[in-house]
Full PDB file with SEQRES, HELIX, SHEET, SSBOND, CRYST1, ORIGX, SCALE, CONECT and MASTER records, all heavy atoms in Angstrom:
SEQRES   1 A   31  PRO ARG PHE ASP VAL ALA LEU ALA VAL SER HIS GLU LEU          
SEQRES   2 A   31  ALA GLY PHE LYS VAL TYR GLU ALA ASN TRP TRP HIS TRP          
SEQRES   3 A   31  ARG LYS PRO VAL ILE                                          
HELIX    1 AA1 VAL A    5  GLU A   12  1                                   8    
SHEET    1 AA1 2 LYS A  17  TYR A  19  0                                        
SHEET    2 AA1 2 TRP A  23  HIS A  25 -1                                        
CRYST1    1.000    1.000    1.000  90.00  90.00  90.00 P 1           1          
ORIGX1      1.000000  0.000000  0.000000        0.00000                         
ORIGX2      0.000000  1.000000  0.000000        0.00000                         
ORIGX3      0.000000  0.000000  1.000000        0.00000                         
SCALE1      1.000000  0.000000  0.000000        0.00000                         
SCALE2      0.000000  1.000000  0.000000        0.00000                         
SCALE3      0.000000  0.000000  1.000000        0.00000                         
ATOM      1  N   PRO A   1       9.260  87.320-187.434  1.00  0.00           N  
ATOM      2  CA  PRO A   1      10.264  86.444-188.215  1.00  0.00           C  
ATOM      3  C   PRO A   1      10.832  87.155-189.433  1.00  0.00           C  
ATOM      4  O   PRO A   1      11.757  86.720-189.936  1.00  0.00           O  
ATOM      5  CB  PRO A   1       9.408  85.229-188.539  1.00  0.00           C  
ATOM      6  CG  PRO A   1       8.006  85.728-188.592  1.00  0.00           C  
ATOM      7  CD  PRO A   1       7.879  86.721-187.438  1.00  0.00           C  
ATOM      8  N   ARG A   2      10.220  88.265-189.839  1.00  0.00           N  
ATOM      9  CA  ARG A   2      10.704  88.964-190.999  1.00  0.00           C  
ATOM     10  C   ARG A   2      11.980  89.716-190.703  1.00  0.00           C  
ATOM     11  O   ARG A   2      12.769  90.093-191.622  1.00  0.00           O  
ATOM     12  CB  ARG A   2       9.726  89.958-191.510  1.00  0.00           C  
ATOM     13  CG  ARG A   2       8.414  89.355-192.049  1.00  0.00           C  
ATOM     14  CD  ARG A   2       7.364  90.483-192.304  1.00  0.00           C  
ATOM     15  NE  ARG A   2       7.151  91.316-191.132  1.00  0.00           N  
ATOM     16  CZ  ARG A   2       6.476  92.482-191.099  1.00  0.00           C  
ATOM     17  NH1 ARG A   2       6.072  92.990-192.252  1.00  0.00           N  
ATOM     18  NH2 ARG A   2       6.243  93.156-189.970  1.00  0.00           N  
ATOM     19  N   PHE A   3      12.271  89.972-189.425  1.00  0.00           N  
ATOM     20  CA  PHE A   3      13.414  90.818-189.076  1.00  0.00           C  
ATOM     21  C   PHE A   3      14.378  90.087-188.176  1.00  0.00           C  
ATOM     22  O   PHE A   3      14.138  88.947-187.661  1.00  0.00           O  
ATOM     23  CB  PHE A   3      12.870  92.070-188.318  1.00  0.00           C  
ATOM     24  CG  PHE A   3      11.810  92.804-189.076  1.00  0.00           C  
ATOM     25  CD1 PHE A   3      10.595  93.107-188.451  1.00  0.00           C  
ATOM     26  CD2 PHE A   3      12.039  93.263-190.335  1.00  0.00           C  
ATOM     27  CE1 PHE A   3       9.626  93.702-189.157  1.00  0.00           C  
ATOM     28  CE2 PHE A   3      11.063  93.916-191.053  1.00  0.00           C  
ATOM     29  CZ  PHE A   3       9.828  94.190-190.460  1.00  0.00           C  
ATOM     30  N   ASP A   4      15.582  90.735-188.010  1.00  0.00           N  
ATOM     31  CA  ASP A   4      16.660  90.162-187.093  1.00  0.00           C  
ATOM     32  C   ASP A   4      16.782  90.923-185.874  1.00  0.00           C  
ATOM     33  O   ASP A   4      17.901  91.015-185.331  1.00  0.00           O  
ATOM     34  CB  ASP A   4      17.949  90.207-187.950  1.00  0.00           C  
ATOM     35  CG  ASP A   4      17.925  89.367-189.179  1.00  0.00           C  
ATOM     36  OD1 ASP A   4      17.406  88.182-189.142  1.00  0.00           O  
ATOM     37  OD2 ASP A   4      18.462  89.791-190.257  1.00  0.00           O  
ATOM     38  N   VAL A   5      15.714  91.493-185.415  1.00  0.00           N  
ATOM     39  CA  VAL A   5      15.760  92.252-184.137  1.00  0.00           C  
ATOM     40  C   VAL A   5      16.249  91.402-182.975  1.00  0.00           C  
ATOM     41  O   VAL A   5      17.089  91.827-182.259  1.00  0.00           O  
ATOM     42  CB  VAL A   5      14.298  92.862-183.819  1.00  0.00           C  
ATOM     43  CG1 VAL A   5      14.386  93.550-182.468  1.00  0.00           C  
ATOM     44  CG2 VAL A   5      13.943  93.836-184.934  1.00  0.00           C  
ATOM     45  N   ALA A   6      15.691  90.255-182.746  1.00  0.00           N  
ATOM     46  CA  ALA A   6      16.009  89.405-181.592  1.00  0.00           C  
ATOM     47  C   ALA A   6      17.519  89.089-181.624  1.00  0.00           C  
ATOM     48  O   ALA A   6      18.185  89.162-180.545  1.00  0.00           O  
ATOM     49  CB  ALA A   6      15.129  88.143-181.623  1.00  0.00           C  
ATOM     50  N   LEU A   7      18.026  88.690-182.682  1.00  0.00           N  
ATOM     51  CA  LEU A   7      19.427  88.342-182.852  1.00  0.00           C  
ATOM     52  C   LEU A   7      20.324  89.495-182.542  1.00  0.00           C  
ATOM     53  O   LEU A   7      21.327  89.392-181.777  1.00  0.00           O  
ATOM     54  CB  LEU A   7      19.738  87.767-184.221  1.00  0.00           C  
ATOM     55  CG  LEU A   7      21.164  87.137-184.418  1.00  0.00           C  
ATOM     56  CD1 LEU A   7      21.386  85.982-183.461  1.00  0.00           C  
ATOM     57  CD2 LEU A   7      21.276  86.736-185.899  1.00  0.00           C  
ATOM     58  N   ALA A   8      20.002  90.630-183.149  1.00  0.00           N  
ATOM     59  CA  ALA A   8      20.868  91.804-182.881  1.00  0.00           C  
ATOM     60  C   ALA A   8      20.816  92.197-181.485  1.00  0.00           C  
ATOM     61  O   ALA A   8      21.917  92.584-180.874  1.00  0.00           O  
ATOM     62  CB  ALA A   8      20.352  92.952-183.837  1.00  0.00           C  
ATOM     63  N   VAL A   9      19.662  92.277-180.843  1.00  0.00           N  
ATOM     64  CA  VAL A   9      19.542  92.736-179.435  1.00  0.00           C  
ATOM     65  C   VAL A   9      20.308  91.726-178.517  1.00  0.00           C  
ATOM     66  O   VAL A   9      21.040  92.159-177.566  1.00  0.00           O  
ATOM     67  CB  VAL A   9      18.059  92.835-179.017  1.00  0.00           C  
ATOM     68  CG1 VAL A   9      17.980  93.112-177.463  1.00  0.00           C  
ATOM     69  CG2 VAL A   9      17.354  93.945-179.771  1.00  0.00           C  
ATOM     70  N   SER A  10      20.177  90.463-178.762  1.00  0.00           N  
ATOM     71  CA  SER A  10      20.858  89.449-177.908  1.00  0.00           C  
ATOM     72  C   SER A  10      22.376  89.487-178.046  1.00  0.00           C  
ATOM     73  O   SER A  10      23.059  89.201-177.073  1.00  0.00           O  
ATOM     74  CB  SER A  10      20.384  88.033-178.319  1.00  0.00           C  
ATOM     75  OG  SER A  10      20.767  87.728-179.589  1.00  0.00           O  
ATOM     76  N   HIS A  11      22.852  90.068-179.152  1.00  0.00           N  
ATOM     77  CA  HIS A  11      24.350  90.223-179.338  1.00  0.00           C  
ATOM     78  C   HIS A  11      24.883  91.464-178.769  1.00  0.00           C  
ATOM     79  O   HIS A  11      26.057  91.591-178.569  1.00  0.00           O  
ATOM     80  CB  HIS A  11      24.685  90.121-180.818  1.00  0.00           C  
ATOM     81  CG  HIS A  11      24.627  88.742-181.359  1.00  0.00           C  
ATOM     82  ND1 HIS A  11      24.805  88.449-182.684  1.00  0.00           N  
ATOM     83  CD2 HIS A  11      24.349  87.581-180.752  1.00  0.00           C  
ATOM     84  CE1 HIS A  11      24.674  87.080-182.919  1.00  0.00           C  
ATOM     85  NE2 HIS A  11      24.424  86.536-181.692  1.00  0.00           N  
ATOM     86  N   GLU A  12      23.996  92.380-178.471  1.00  0.00           N  
ATOM     87  CA  GLU A  12      24.421  93.724-178.003  1.00  0.00           C  
ATOM     88  C   GLU A  12      24.162  94.070-176.558  1.00  0.00           C  
ATOM     89  O   GLU A  12      24.927  94.799-175.925  1.00  0.00           O  
ATOM     90  CB  GLU A  12      23.748  94.850-178.890  1.00  0.00           C  
ATOM     91  CG  GLU A  12      24.335  95.001-180.281  1.00  0.00           C  
ATOM     92  CD  GLU A  12      25.811  95.294-180.340  1.00  0.00           C  
ATOM     93  OE1 GLU A  12      26.277  96.137-179.497  1.00  0.00           O  
ATOM     94  OE2 GLU A  12      26.495  94.685-181.185  1.00  0.00           O  
ATOM     95  N   LEU A  13      23.064  93.567-176.009  1.00  0.00           N  
ATOM     96  CA  LEU A  13      22.619  93.961-174.665  1.00  0.00           C  
ATOM     97  C   LEU A  13      22.437  92.701-173.760  1.00  0.00           C  
ATOM     98  O   LEU A  13      21.480  91.952-173.900  1.00  0.00           O  
ATOM     99  CB  LEU A  13      21.284  94.625-174.813  1.00  0.00           C  
ATOM    100  CG  LEU A  13      21.328  95.983-175.595  1.00  0.00           C  
ATOM    101  CD1 LEU A  13      19.914  96.530-175.733  1.00  0.00           C  
ATOM    102  CD2 LEU A  13      22.271  97.051-174.914  1.00  0.00           C  
ATOM    103  N   ALA A  14      23.341  92.497-172.876  1.00  0.00           N  
ATOM    104  CA  ALA A  14      23.296  91.456-171.902  1.00  0.00           C  
ATOM    105  C   ALA A  14      22.258  91.760-170.866  1.00  0.00           C  
ATOM    106  O   ALA A  14      22.211  92.953-170.362  1.00  0.00           O  
ATOM    107  CB  ALA A  14      24.591  91.278-171.243  1.00  0.00           C  
ATOM    108  N   GLY A  15      21.346  90.856-170.534  1.00  0.00           N  
ATOM    109  CA  GLY A  15      20.423  91.068-169.484  1.00  0.00           C  
ATOM    110  C   GLY A  15      19.139  91.803-169.938  1.00  0.00           C  
ATOM    111  O   GLY A  15      18.376  92.298-169.096  1.00  0.00           O  
ATOM    112  N   PHE A  16      18.929  91.852-171.225  1.00  0.00           N  
ATOM    113  CA  PHE A  16      17.658  92.471-171.637  1.00  0.00           C  
ATOM    114  C   PHE A  16      16.445  91.630-171.326  1.00  0.00           C  
ATOM    115  O   PHE A  16      16.630  90.386-171.127  1.00  0.00           O  
ATOM    116  CB  PHE A  16      17.705  92.750-173.210  1.00  0.00           C  
ATOM    117  CG  PHE A  16      17.589  91.550-174.061  1.00  0.00           C  
ATOM    118  CD1 PHE A  16      16.368  91.112-174.535  1.00  0.00           C  
ATOM    119  CD2 PHE A  16      18.739  90.833-174.427  1.00  0.00           C  
ATOM    120  CE1 PHE A  16      16.293  89.941-175.273  1.00  0.00           C  
ATOM    121  CE2 PHE A  16      18.650  89.693-175.211  1.00  0.00           C  
ATOM    122  CZ  PHE A  16      17.446  89.242-175.663  1.00  0.00           C  
ATOM    123  N   LYS A  17      15.300  92.134-171.327  1.00  0.00           N  
ATOM    124  CA  LYS A  17      14.064  91.464-171.004  1.00  0.00           C  
ATOM    125  C   LYS A  17      13.036  91.594-172.199  1.00  0.00           C  
ATOM    126  O   LYS A  17      13.167  92.514-172.941  1.00  0.00           O  
ATOM    127  CB  LYS A  17      13.428  91.977-169.757  1.00  0.00           C  
ATOM    128  CG  LYS A  17      14.301  91.748-168.515  1.00  0.00           C  
ATOM    129  CD  LYS A  17      13.622  92.279-167.272  1.00  0.00           C  
ATOM    130  CE  LYS A  17      14.430  92.115-166.032  1.00  0.00           C  
ATOM    131  NZ  LYS A  17      13.826  92.523-164.808  1.00  0.00           N  
ATOM    132  N   VAL A  18      12.199  90.654-172.270  1.00  0.00           N  
ATOM    133  CA  VAL A  18      11.173  90.643-173.408  1.00  0.00           C  
ATOM    134  C   VAL A  18       9.783  90.727-172.728  1.00  0.00           C  
ATOM    135  O   VAL A  18       9.546  89.935-171.724  1.00  0.00           O  
ATOM    136  CB  VAL A  18      11.226  89.380-174.236  1.00  0.00           C  
ATOM    137  CG1 VAL A  18      10.146  89.396-175.334  1.00  0.00           C  
ATOM    138  CG2 VAL A  18      12.673  89.278-174.910  1.00  0.00           C  
ATOM    139  N   TYR A  19       9.014  91.646-173.184  1.00  0.00           N  
ATOM    140  CA  TYR A  19       7.675  91.884-172.637  1.00  0.00           C  
ATOM    141  C   TYR A  19       6.588  91.445-173.621  1.00  0.00           C  
ATOM    142  O   TYR A  19       6.532  91.944-174.776  1.00  0.00           O  
ATOM    143  CB  TYR A  19       7.474  93.340-172.215  1.00  0.00           C  
ATOM    144  CG  TYR A  19       6.245  93.675-171.512  1.00  0.00           C  
ATOM    145  CD1 TYR A  19       6.296  93.584-170.105  1.00  0.00           C  
ATOM    146  CD2 TYR A  19       5.090  94.039-172.122  1.00  0.00           C  
ATOM    147  CE1 TYR A  19       5.108  93.928-169.334  1.00  0.00           C  
ATOM    148  CE2 TYR A  19       3.955  94.256-171.358  1.00  0.00           C  
ATOM    149  CZ  TYR A  19       3.947  94.289-170.014  1.00  0.00           C  
ATOM    150  OH  TYR A  19       2.799  94.530-169.309  1.00  0.00           O  
ATOM    151  N   GLU A  20       5.747  90.453-173.233  1.00  0.00           N  
ATOM    152  CA  GLU A  20       4.699  89.972-174.112  1.00  0.00           C  
ATOM    153  C   GLU A  20       5.169  89.602-175.527  1.00  0.00           C  
ATOM    154  O   GLU A  20       4.448  89.887-176.505  1.00  0.00           O  
ATOM    155  CB  GLU A  20       3.576  91.082-174.173  1.00  0.00           C  
ATOM    156  CG  GLU A  20       2.857  91.377-172.878  1.00  0.00           C  
ATOM    157  CD  GLU A  20       1.951  90.166-172.427  1.00  0.00           C  
ATOM    158  OE1 GLU A  20       1.549  89.407-173.285  1.00  0.00           O  
ATOM    159  OE2 GLU A  20       1.717  90.115-171.202  1.00  0.00           O  
ATOM    160  N   ALA A  21       6.343  89.018-175.578  1.00  0.00           N  
ATOM    161  CA  ALA A  21       6.939  88.447-176.821  1.00  0.00           C  
ATOM    162  C   ALA A  21       7.364  89.446-177.830  1.00  0.00           C  
ATOM    163  O   ALA A  21       8.259  89.210-178.667  1.00  0.00           O  
ATOM    164  CB  ALA A  21       5.984  87.427-177.488  1.00  0.00           C  
ATOM    165  N   ASN A  22       6.805  90.698-177.827  1.00  0.00           N  
ATOM    166  CA  ASN A  22       6.988  91.634-178.850  1.00  0.00           C  
ATOM    167  C   ASN A  22       8.011  92.793-178.498  1.00  0.00           C  
ATOM    168  O   ASN A  22       8.784  93.201-179.343  1.00  0.00           O  
ATOM    169  CB  ASN A  22       5.706  92.314-179.277  1.00  0.00           C  
ATOM    170  CG  ASN A  22       5.873  93.264-180.459  1.00  0.00           C  
ATOM    171  OD1 ASN A  22       6.284  92.802-181.505  1.00  0.00           O  
ATOM    172  ND2 ASN A  22       5.445  94.479-180.355  1.00  0.00           N  
ATOM    173  N   TRP A  23       7.999  93.210-177.235  1.00  0.00           N  
ATOM    174  CA  TRP A  23       8.845  94.315-176.900  1.00  0.00           C  
ATOM    175  C   TRP A  23      10.150  93.853-176.218  1.00  0.00           C  
ATOM    176  O   TRP A  23      10.027  92.974-175.329  1.00  0.00           O  
ATOM    177  CB  TRP A  23       8.158  95.186-175.831  1.00  0.00           C  
ATOM    178  CG  TRP A  23       6.907  95.848-176.394  1.00  0.00           C  
ATOM    179  CD1 TRP A  23       5.674  95.358-176.381  1.00  0.00           C  
ATOM    180  CD2 TRP A  23       6.844  97.157-176.999  1.00  0.00           C  
ATOM    181  NE1 TRP A  23       4.759  96.274-176.950  1.00  0.00           N  
ATOM    182  CE2 TRP A  23       5.435  97.362-177.333  1.00  0.00           C  
ATOM    183  CE3 TRP A  23       7.731  98.145-177.285  1.00  0.00           C  
ATOM    184  CZ2 TRP A  23       5.005  98.523-178.009  1.00  0.00           C  
ATOM    185  CZ3 TRP A  23       7.318  99.329-177.898  1.00  0.00           C  
ATOM    186  CH2 TRP A  23       5.941  99.464-178.216  1.00  0.00           C  
ATOM    187  N   TRP A  24      11.246  94.378-176.597  1.00  0.00           N  
ATOM    188  CA  TRP A  24      12.472  94.138-175.820  1.00  0.00           C  
ATOM    189  C   TRP A  24      12.777  95.393-175.072  1.00  0.00           C  
ATOM    190  O   TRP A  24      12.498  96.493-175.427  1.00  0.00           O  
ATOM    191  CB  TRP A  24      13.651  93.787-176.796  1.00  0.00           C  
ATOM    192  CG  TRP A  24      14.048  94.813-177.816  1.00  0.00           C  
ATOM    193  CD1 TRP A  24      13.636  94.892-179.090  1.00  0.00           C  
ATOM    194  CD2 TRP A  24      15.011  95.848-177.632  1.00  0.00           C  
ATOM    195  NE1 TRP A  24      14.211  95.993-179.685  1.00  0.00           N  
ATOM    196  CE2 TRP A  24      15.061  96.549-178.820  1.00  0.00           C  
ATOM    197  CE3 TRP A  24      15.884  96.228-176.626  1.00  0.00           C  
ATOM    198  CZ2 TRP A  24      15.905  97.651-179.059  1.00  0.00           C  
ATOM    199  CZ3 TRP A  24      16.727  97.331-176.776  1.00  0.00           C  
ATOM    200  CH2 TRP A  24      16.680  98.008-178.029  1.00  0.00           C  
ATOM    201  N   HIS A  25      13.514  95.199-173.919  1.00  0.00           N  
ATOM    202  CA  HIS A  25      13.637  96.250-172.915  1.00  0.00           C  
ATOM    203  C   HIS A  25      14.923  96.048-172.161  1.00  0.00           C  
ATOM    204  O   HIS A  25      15.228  94.945-171.666  1.00  0.00           O  
ATOM    205  CB  HIS A  25      12.406  96.054-171.982  1.00  0.00           C  
ATOM    206  CG  HIS A  25      12.436  96.865-170.766  1.00  0.00           C  
ATOM    207  ND1 HIS A  25      11.482  97.802-170.484  1.00  0.00           N  
ATOM    208  CD2 HIS A  25      13.243  96.807-169.676  1.00  0.00           C  
ATOM    209  CE1 HIS A  25      11.690  98.343-169.322  1.00  0.00           C  
ATOM    210  NE2 HIS A  25      12.732  97.799-168.754  1.00  0.00           N  
ATOM    211  N   TRP A  26      15.714  97.100-172.061  1.00  0.00           N  
ATOM    212  CA  TRP A  26      16.991  96.988-171.342  1.00  0.00           C  
ATOM    213  C   TRP A  26      17.195  98.317-170.527  1.00  0.00           C  
ATOM    214  O   TRP A  26      17.096  99.411-171.041  1.00  0.00           O  
ATOM    215  CB  TRP A  26      18.221  96.857-172.262  1.00  0.00           C  
ATOM    216  CG  TRP A  26      19.496  96.696-171.644  1.00  0.00           C  
ATOM    217  CD1 TRP A  26      20.003  95.521-171.110  1.00  0.00           C  
ATOM    218  CD2 TRP A  26      20.499  97.677-171.483  1.00  0.00           C  
ATOM    219  NE1 TRP A  26      21.358  95.786-170.593  1.00  0.00           N  
ATOM    220  CE2 TRP A  26      21.623  97.120-170.828  1.00  0.00           C  
ATOM    221  CE3 TRP A  26      20.593  99.034-171.785  1.00  0.00           C  
ATOM    222  CZ2 TRP A  26      22.809  97.784-170.474  1.00  0.00           C  
ATOM    223  CZ3 TRP A  26      21.683  99.761-171.456  1.00  0.00           C  
ATOM    224  CH2 TRP A  26      22.802  99.138-170.825  1.00  0.00           C  
ATOM    225  N   ARG A  27      17.446  98.122-169.265  1.00  0.00           N  
ATOM    226  CA  ARG A  27      17.691  99.263-168.359  1.00  0.00           C  
ATOM    227  C   ARG A  27      19.234  99.409-168.026  1.00  0.00           C  
ATOM    228  O   ARG A  27      19.835  98.440-167.646  1.00  0.00           O  
ATOM    229  CB  ARG A  27      16.838  99.108-167.047  1.00  0.00           C  
ATOM    230  CG  ARG A  27      16.911 100.395-166.214  1.00  0.00           C  
ATOM    231  CD  ARG A  27      16.078 100.237-164.939  1.00  0.00           C  
ATOM    232  NE  ARG A  27      14.677 100.221-165.289  1.00  0.00           N  
ATOM    233  CZ  ARG A  27      13.805 101.176-165.342  1.00  0.00           C  
ATOM    234  NH1 ARG A  27      14.356 102.471-165.233  1.00  0.00           N  
ATOM    235  NH2 ARG A  27      12.578 101.108-165.644  1.00  0.00           N  
ATOM    236  N   LYS A  28      19.675 100.619-168.301  1.00  0.00           N  
ATOM    237  CA  LYS A  28      21.132 100.860-168.014  1.00  0.00           C  
ATOM    238  C   LYS A  28      21.425 100.853-166.499  1.00  0.00           C  
ATOM    239  O   LYS A  28      20.738 101.572-165.785  1.00  0.00           O  
ATOM    240  CB  LYS A  28      21.523 102.151-168.647  1.00  0.00           C  
ATOM    241  CG  LYS A  28      22.996 102.373-168.736  1.00  0.00           C  
ATOM    242  CD  LYS A  28      23.351 103.625-169.525  1.00  0.00           C  
ATOM    243  CE  LYS A  28      24.825 103.822-169.725  1.00  0.00           C  
ATOM    244  NZ  LYS A  28      25.146 105.004-170.565  1.00  0.00           N  
ATOM    245  N   PRO A  29      22.372 100.049-166.113  1.00  0.00           N  
ATOM    246  CA  PRO A  29      22.692  99.956-164.685  1.00  0.00           C  
ATOM    247  C   PRO A  29      23.115 101.383-164.130  1.00  0.00           C  
ATOM    248  O   PRO A  29      23.732 102.171-164.859  1.00  0.00           O  
ATOM    249  CB  PRO A  29      23.907  99.008-164.625  1.00  0.00           C  
ATOM    250  CG  PRO A  29      23.765  98.226-165.876  1.00  0.00           C  
ATOM    251  CD  PRO A  29      23.214  99.164-166.902  1.00  0.00           C  
ATOM    252  N   VAL A  30      22.779 101.573-162.922  1.00  0.00           N  
ATOM    253  CA  VAL A  30      23.242 102.790-162.170  1.00  0.00           C  
ATOM    254  C   VAL A  30      24.528 102.377-161.448  1.00  0.00           C  
ATOM    255  O   VAL A  30      24.575 101.475-160.677  1.00  0.00           O  
ATOM    256  CB  VAL A  30      22.172 103.204-161.092  1.00  0.00           C  
ATOM    257  CG1 VAL A  30      22.685 104.451-160.330  1.00  0.00           C  
ATOM    258  CG2 VAL A  30      20.883 103.554-161.807  1.00  0.00           C  
ATOM    259  N   ILE A  31      25.540 103.185-161.718  1.00  0.00           N  
ATOM    260  CA  ILE A  31      26.851 102.930-161.082  1.00  0.00           C  
ATOM    261  C   ILE A  31      26.858 103.617-159.673  1.00  0.00           C  
ATOM    262  O   ILE A  31      26.725 104.846-159.629  1.00  0.00           O  
ATOM    263  CB  ILE A  31      27.972 103.469-161.960  1.00  0.00           C  
ATOM    264  CG1 ILE A  31      27.950 102.787-163.334  1.00  0.00           C  
ATOM    265  CG2 ILE A  31      29.359 103.227-161.292  1.00  0.00           C  
ATOM    266  CD1 ILE A  31      28.970 103.321-164.342  1.00  0.00           C  
TER     267      ILE A  31                                                      
MASTER        0    0    0    1    2    0    0    6  266    1    0    3          
END                                                                             
C-alpha cells in the first residue's frame, strides 16, 4: 500500500497476471 505499483501496471499492461499477491507478470505476445 505504500506504492502505486498496482495502479501503474494496470494502466500500462493489458492482460498482466499477479502471482501470490506480490509479483506482477506480463508476457509479450508472439506475433
